[in-house]
């Protein structure tokens, strides 16, 4: 079920009722998904939180991979990577 953020603001109780019945609601802003509200409880909260963290990690990895590809860094060899890491560590020690 999708509702606008404006609808949520006007009647949050109706949205919570919909979540209780359907398990989840997507809130939209300007017709685009903005928030994902999910029913939870003591038994599944930690699992759901872990799943969300995993999803955020995967999204961040995809974004970093895209940036790396765009910058040409995705073709670096392990030797080049290790050299770069060593150089950064040396400069950090020199600053300390």
N, C-alpha and C. Protein backbone atom coordinates (compact mmCIF):
# COMPACT_ATOMS: atom_id res chain seq x y z
N UNK A 1 0.84 -1.18 0.00
CA UNK A 1 0.00 0.00 0.00
C UNK A 1 0.88 1.23 0.00
N UNK A 2 0.52 2.21 -0.79
CA UNK A 2 1.25 3.47 -0.85
C UNK A 2 0.36 4.63 -0.41
N UNK A 3 0.94 5.49 0.41
CA UNK A 3 0.27 6.70 0.85
C UNK A 3 1.26 7.85 0.75
N UNK A 4 0.77 9.04 0.60
CA UNK A 4 1.66 10.19 0.55
C UNK A 4 2.06 10.60 1.97
N UNK A 5 3.21 11.26 2.06
CA UNK A 5 3.65 11.79 3.36
C UNK A 5 2.58 12.75 3.88
N UNK A 6 1.97 13.49 2.99
CA UNK A 6 0.92 14.43 3.38
C UNK A 6 -0.26 13.70 4.03
N UNK A 7 -0.63 12.55 3.46
CA UNK A 7 -1.72 11.75 4.05
C UNK A 7 -1.32 11.25 5.44
N UNK A 8 -0.06 10.86 5.57
CA UNK A 8 0.44 10.40 6.87
C UNK A 8 0.36 11.53 7.89
N UNK A 9 0.77 12.73 7.49
CA UNK A 9 0.74 13.89 8.39
C UNK A 9 -0.68 14.19 8.85
N UNK A 10 -1.63 14.07 7.93
CA UNK A 10 -3.02 14.38 8.26
C UNK A 10 -3.65 13.32 9.16
N UNK A 11 -3.27 12.06 8.95
CA UNK A 11 -3.92 10.98 9.70
C UNK A 11 -2.96 9.83 10.00
N UNK A 12 -2.02 10.06 10.92
CA UNK A 12 -1.05 8.99 11.23
C UNK A 12 -1.71 7.72 11.74
N UNK A 13 -2.80 7.85 12.50
CA UNK A 13 -3.47 6.67 13.04
C UNK A 13 -3.99 5.76 11.92
N UNK A 14 -4.47 6.35 10.84
CA UNK A 14 -4.95 5.55 9.71
C UNK A 14 -3.80 4.78 9.07
N UNK A 15 -2.63 5.41 9.01
CA UNK A 15 -1.45 4.74 8.44
C UNK A 15 -1.02 3.60 9.35
N UNK A 16 -0.99 3.84 10.66
CA UNK A 16 -0.61 2.77 11.59
C UNK A 16 -1.60 1.62 11.53
N UNK A 17 -2.85 1.92 11.33
CA UNK A 17 -3.87 0.89 11.18
C UNK A 17 -3.61 0.07 9.92
N UNK A 18 -3.26 0.76 8.84
CA UNK A 18 -2.96 0.07 7.58
C UNK A 18 -1.73 -0.82 7.74
N UNK A 19 -0.73 -0.34 8.47
CA UNK A 19 0.48 -1.14 8.70
C UNK A 19 0.12 -2.38 9.50
N UNK A 20 -0.72 -2.23 10.50
CA UNK A 20 -1.13 -3.38 11.32
C UNK A 20 -1.83 -4.44 10.48
N UNK A 21 -2.64 -4.00 9.52
CA UNK A 21 -3.38 -4.94 8.68
C UNK A 21 -2.51 -5.54 7.58
N UNK A 22 -1.69 -4.71 6.93
CA UNK A 22 -0.95 -5.15 5.74
C UNK A 22 0.51 -5.50 6.02
N UNK A 23 1.02 -5.07 7.17
CA UNK A 23 2.40 -5.37 7.51
C UNK A 23 3.40 -4.31 7.09
N UNK A 24 3.06 -3.53 6.08
CA UNK A 24 3.96 -2.47 5.63
C UNK A 24 3.22 -1.44 4.79
N UNK A 25 3.77 -0.25 4.77
CA UNK A 25 3.23 0.85 3.97
C UNK A 25 4.40 1.64 3.41
N UNK A 26 4.27 2.06 2.17
CA UNK A 26 5.27 2.91 1.55
C UNK A 26 4.72 4.33 1.53
N UNK A 27 5.50 5.26 2.09
CA UNK A 27 5.11 6.67 2.04
C UNK A 27 5.82 7.32 0.86
N UNK A 28 5.05 8.08 0.11
CA UNK A 28 5.61 8.73 -1.08
C UNK A 28 5.66 10.23 -0.90
N UNK A 29 6.58 10.83 -1.61
CA UNK A 29 6.70 12.29 -1.65
C UNK A 29 6.86 12.64 -3.13
N UNK A 30 5.93 13.42 -3.63
CA UNK A 30 5.96 13.77 -5.05
C UNK A 30 5.77 12.54 -5.94
N UNK A 31 5.04 11.55 -5.42
CA UNK A 31 4.78 10.34 -6.19
C UNK A 31 5.90 9.32 -6.16
N UNK A 32 7.00 9.63 -5.49
CA UNK A 32 8.13 8.72 -5.43
C UNK A 32 8.29 8.17 -4.02
N UNK A 33 8.67 6.89 -3.90
CA UNK A 33 8.85 6.30 -2.56
C UNK A 33 9.87 7.07 -1.74
N UNK A 34 9.52 7.37 -0.50
CA UNK A 34 10.42 8.09 0.41
C UNK A 34 10.68 7.33 1.70
N UNK A 35 9.66 6.65 2.20
CA UNK A 35 9.78 5.93 3.46
C UNK A 35 9.10 4.58 3.35
N UNK A 36 9.63 3.63 4.08
CA UNK A 36 9.09 2.28 4.10
C UNK A 36 8.79 1.96 5.56
N UNK A 37 7.53 1.91 5.92
CA UNK A 37 7.13 1.62 7.29
C UNK A 37 6.74 0.15 7.40
N UNK A 38 7.34 -0.54 8.36
CA UNK A 38 7.13 -1.98 8.49
C UNK A 38 6.72 -2.31 9.92
N UNK A 39 5.75 -3.17 10.03
CA UNK A 39 5.31 -3.64 11.35
C UNK A 39 6.41 -4.53 11.92
N UNK A 40 6.70 -4.35 13.19
CA UNK A 40 7.72 -5.17 13.84
C UNK A 40 7.28 -5.51 15.25
N UNK A 41 8.04 -6.38 15.89
CA UNK A 41 7.76 -6.75 17.27
C UNK A 41 9.06 -7.14 17.95
N UNK A 42 8.97 -7.49 19.22
CA UNK A 42 10.18 -7.85 19.98
C UNK A 42 10.91 -9.04 19.37
N UNK A 43 10.17 -9.95 18.75
CA UNK A 43 10.77 -11.18 18.23
C UNK A 43 11.56 -10.97 16.95
N UNK A 44 11.09 -10.08 16.08
CA UNK A 44 11.77 -9.93 14.79
C UNK A 44 12.53 -8.60 14.63
N UNK A 45 12.49 -7.76 15.63
CA UNK A 45 13.11 -6.43 15.50
C UNK A 45 14.60 -6.51 15.19
N UNK A 46 15.34 -7.29 15.96
CA UNK A 46 16.79 -7.36 15.75
C UNK A 46 17.12 -7.92 14.37
N UNK A 47 16.37 -8.93 13.94
CA UNK A 47 16.60 -9.50 12.62
C UNK A 47 16.32 -8.47 11.52
N UNK A 48 15.24 -7.73 11.66
CA UNK A 48 14.90 -6.72 10.67
C UNK A 48 15.94 -5.60 10.65
N UNK A 49 16.41 -5.21 11.83
CA UNK A 49 17.42 -4.17 11.89
C UNK A 49 18.71 -4.64 11.21
N UNK A 50 19.07 -5.88 11.44
CA UNK A 50 20.28 -6.44 10.80
C UNK A 50 20.10 -6.50 9.28
N UNK A 51 18.93 -6.87 8.83
CA UNK A 51 18.66 -6.92 7.39
C UNK A 51 18.78 -5.53 6.77
N UNK A 52 18.27 -4.52 7.46
CA UNK A 52 18.37 -3.15 6.95
C UNK A 52 19.82 -2.70 6.90
N UNK A 53 20.61 -3.05 7.91
CA UNK A 53 22.03 -2.71 7.90
C UNK A 53 22.73 -3.39 6.73
N UNK A 54 22.39 -4.64 6.48
CA UNK A 54 22.97 -5.36 5.35
C UNK A 54 22.61 -4.69 4.02
N UNK A 55 21.36 -4.26 3.91
CA UNK A 55 20.93 -3.58 2.69
C UNK A 55 21.66 -2.26 2.50
N UNK A 56 21.83 -1.51 3.58
CA UNK A 56 22.57 -0.24 3.50
C UNK A 56 24.01 -0.49 3.09
N UNK A 57 24.62 -1.53 3.66
CA UNK A 57 26.00 -1.88 3.32
C UNK A 57 26.10 -2.21 1.83
N UNK A 58 25.17 -3.03 1.35
CA UNK A 58 25.20 -3.42 -0.06
C UNK A 58 25.01 -2.21 -0.98
N UNK A 59 24.11 -1.31 -0.61
CA UNK A 59 23.89 -0.10 -1.40
C UNK A 59 25.14 0.78 -1.41
N UNK A 60 25.77 0.93 -0.25
CA UNK A 60 27.01 1.72 -0.18
C UNK A 60 28.11 1.10 -1.02
N UNK A 61 28.22 -0.23 -0.99
CA UNK A 61 29.22 -0.91 -1.79
C UNK A 61 28.98 -0.68 -3.29
N UNK A 62 27.73 -0.77 -3.71
CA UNK A 62 27.40 -0.54 -5.12
C UNK A 62 27.77 0.88 -5.53
N UNK A 63 27.48 1.84 -4.66
CA UNK A 63 27.81 3.23 -4.97
C UNK A 63 29.32 3.43 -5.05
N UNK A 64 30.07 2.83 -4.11
CA UNK A 64 31.53 2.97 -4.14
C UNK A 64 32.11 2.28 -5.38
N UNK A 65 31.55 1.13 -5.76
CA UNK A 65 32.02 0.44 -6.95
C UNK A 65 31.76 1.27 -8.20
N UNK A 66 30.61 1.92 -8.26
CA UNK A 66 30.30 2.77 -9.41
C UNK A 66 31.26 3.95 -9.49
N UNK A 67 31.57 4.56 -8.34
CA UNK A 67 32.52 5.67 -8.30
C UNK A 67 33.90 5.19 -8.73
N UNK A 68 34.29 4.03 -8.22
CA UNK A 68 35.60 3.46 -8.56
C UNK A 68 35.69 3.19 -10.06
N UNK A 69 34.65 2.65 -10.62
CA UNK A 69 34.63 2.38 -12.06
C UNK A 69 34.71 3.68 -12.85
N UNK A 70 33.95 4.68 -12.42
CA UNK A 70 33.94 5.98 -13.09
C UNK A 70 35.32 6.64 -13.05
N UNK A 71 36.01 6.50 -11.90
CA UNK A 71 37.33 7.11 -11.74
C UNK A 71 38.46 6.27 -12.33
N UNK A 72 38.14 5.07 -12.78
CA UNK A 72 39.16 4.20 -13.34
C UNK A 72 39.92 3.40 -12.30
N UNK A 73 39.53 3.48 -11.05
CA UNK A 73 40.22 2.76 -9.98
C UNK A 73 39.88 1.27 -9.96
N UNK A 74 38.83 0.88 -10.64
CA UNK A 74 38.40 -0.51 -10.59
C UNK A 74 39.38 -1.44 -11.30
N UNK A 75 40.30 -0.87 -12.05
CA UNK A 75 41.26 -1.69 -12.80
C UNK A 75 42.62 -1.76 -12.10
N UNK A 76 42.69 -1.24 -10.87
CA UNK A 76 43.95 -1.26 -10.14
C UNK A 76 44.32 -2.69 -9.74
N UNK A 77 45.61 -3.00 -9.79
CA UNK A 77 46.09 -4.31 -9.34
C UNK A 77 46.21 -4.29 -7.81
N UNK A 78 46.33 -5.46 -7.21
CA UNK A 78 46.52 -5.54 -5.76
C UNK A 78 47.81 -4.83 -5.36
N UNK A 79 48.82 -4.93 -6.19
CA UNK A 79 50.10 -4.28 -5.89
C UNK A 79 49.89 -2.76 -5.83
N UNK A 80 49.14 -2.21 -6.78
CA UNK A 80 48.87 -0.77 -6.80
C UNK A 80 48.05 -0.37 -5.56
N UNK A 81 47.09 -1.18 -5.22
CA UNK A 81 46.25 -0.90 -4.04
C UNK A 81 47.10 -0.89 -2.78
N UNK A 82 47.92 -1.92 -2.63
CA UNK A 82 48.77 -2.02 -1.43
C UNK A 82 49.76 -0.87 -1.35
N UNK A 83 50.30 -0.45 -2.48
CA UNK A 83 51.21 0.69 -2.51
C UNK A 83 50.49 1.96 -2.08
N UNK A 84 49.30 2.15 -2.58
CA UNK A 84 48.50 3.33 -2.21
C UNK A 84 48.20 3.32 -0.71
N UNK A 85 47.82 2.19 -0.16
CA UNK A 85 47.55 2.08 1.27
C UNK A 85 48.80 2.40 2.08
N UNK A 86 49.93 1.84 1.67
CA UNK A 86 51.19 2.10 2.37
C UNK A 86 51.54 3.58 2.34
N UNK A 87 51.33 4.23 1.20
CA UNK A 87 51.63 5.67 1.08
C UNK A 87 50.75 6.49 2.01
N UNK A 88 49.48 6.16 2.09
CA UNK A 88 48.55 6.89 2.97
C UNK A 88 48.96 6.70 4.42
N UNK A 89 49.32 5.48 4.78
CA UNK A 89 49.74 5.21 6.17
C UNK A 89 51.01 5.98 6.51
N UNK A 90 51.95 6.05 5.58
CA UNK A 90 53.18 6.79 5.81
C UNK A 90 52.89 8.27 6.02
N UNK A 91 52.01 8.83 5.20
CA UNK A 91 51.71 10.26 5.34
C UNK A 91 50.98 10.54 6.65
N UNK A 92 50.15 9.61 7.12
CA UNK A 92 49.45 9.78 8.40
C UNK A 92 50.46 9.77 9.55
N UNK A 93 51.44 8.87 9.48
CA UNK A 93 52.48 8.80 10.52
C UNK A 93 53.31 10.08 10.52
N UNK A 94 53.61 10.59 9.34
CA UNK A 94 54.42 11.81 9.24
C UNK A 94 53.68 13.01 9.82
N UNK A 95 52.35 13.02 9.71
CA UNK A 95 51.54 14.13 10.24
C UNK A 95 51.44 14.06 11.76
N UNK A 96 51.59 12.87 12.32
CA UNK A 96 51.41 12.70 13.78
C UNK A 96 52.56 13.23 14.59
